[in-house]
Amino acid sequence: MTKPAAPKRILPTSPFKAPVAPPPKHFAVGDQVTHDMYGLGRVIGVEDGIAALVDFGSAQERIPSPYAKMSKL
């Protein structure tokens, strides 16, 4: 079996810059969003930093954070 990859450690004296993590996305109730799989929808509920409940018309889906496939319009 293989071991999972360990996170890379960046030393403060390294000439290479550490990768910058993108800021987390925040959604509010009423925001219009688009999702790569479900299409257009409207946020109808938010669990702080955990998930967003989105109404896509034909279905309501709970989209977990980090919302990789969803963006605000």
Protein backbone atom coordinates (compact mmCIF):
# COMPACT_ATOMS: atom_id res chain seq x y z
CA MET A 1 0.00 0.00 0.00
CA THR A 2 1.14 3.52 -0.62
CA LYS A 3 1.23 6.24 1.97
CA PRO A 4 -0.79 9.41 1.40
CA ALA A 5 1.30 12.37 0.32
CA ALA A 6 2.45 14.55 3.19
CA PRO A 7 1.84 18.31 2.88
CA LYS A 8 4.89 20.19 1.64
CA ARG A 9 6.67 22.24 4.23
CA ILE A 10 7.82 25.70 3.10
CA LEU A 11 10.84 27.04 4.94
CA PRO A 12 10.93 30.79 5.69
CA THR A 13 14.34 31.10 4.00
CA SER A 14 13.19 29.38 0.80
CA PRO A 15 13.50 31.44 -2.42
CA PHE A 16 10.24 29.90 -3.65
CA LYS A 17 6.92 31.40 -2.63
CA ALA A 18 4.42 29.30 -0.74
CA PRO A 19 1.20 28.62 -2.67
CA VAL A 20 -1.59 30.98 -1.68
CA ALA A 21 -4.91 29.37 -0.84
CA PRO A 22 -7.89 31.11 -2.45
CA PRO A 23 -10.26 32.82 0.00
CA PRO A 24 -13.33 30.72 0.86
CA LYS A 25 -16.52 31.52 -1.02
CA HIS A 26 -19.43 32.93 0.97
CA PHE A 27 -23.05 32.75 -0.10
CA ALA A 28 -26.11 34.44 1.37
CA VAL A 29 -29.78 33.51 1.20
CA GLY A 30 -31.22 34.87 -2.04
CA ASP A 31 -27.96 34.81 -4.05
CA GLN A 32 -28.27 33.57 -7.62
CA VAL A 33 -25.68 30.91 -8.39
CA THR A 34 -24.60 28.62 -11.17
CA HIS A 35 -23.37 25.07 -10.65
CA ASP A 36 -21.41 23.01 -13.19
CA MET A 37 -23.70 20.02 -12.80
CA TYR A 38 -27.12 21.42 -11.73
CA GLY A 39 -27.19 24.74 -13.62
CA LEU A 40 -28.82 27.96 -12.40
CA GLY A 41 -30.25 28.19 -8.91
CA ARG A 42 -30.99 30.37 -5.89
CA VAL A 43 -29.56 29.91 -2.39
CA ILE A 44 -32.39 29.18 0.07
CA GLY A 45 -30.32 28.24 3.11
CA VAL A 46 -26.77 28.52 4.43
CA GLU A 47 -24.95 26.44 7.05
CA ASP A 48 -22.03 28.68 8.08
CA GLY A 49 -18.94 27.41 6.26
CA ILE A 50 -20.36 23.89 5.93
CA ALA A 51 -22.88 23.83 3.09
CA ALA A 52 -25.46 25.78 1.12
CA LEU A 53 -28.97 24.63 0.27
CA VAL A 54 -29.77 25.64 -3.31
CA ASP A 55 -33.07 25.50 -5.21
CA PHE A 56 -32.39 24.60 -8.85
CA GLY A 57 -36.07 24.62 -9.84
CA SER A 58 -36.49 20.90 -10.42
CA ALA A 59 -34.61 19.90 -7.25
CA GLN A 60 -33.14 21.27 -4.04
CA GLU A 61 -29.53 20.27 -3.43
CA ARG A 62 -27.21 20.63 -0.45
CA ILE A 63 -23.85 21.75 -1.83
CA PRO A 64 -20.98 21.18 0.66
CA SER A 65 -18.12 23.62 1.13
CA PRO A 66 -15.64 24.51 -0.55
CA TYR A 67 -18.17 25.03 -3.39
CA ALA A 68 -15.64 24.11 -6.10
CA LYS A 69 -18.24 23.76 -8.86
CA MET A 70 -20.50 26.65 -7.79
CA SER A 71 -20.11 30.39 -8.35
CA LYS A 72 -22.17 33.48 -7.62
CA LEU A 73 -23.77 35.38 -10.51
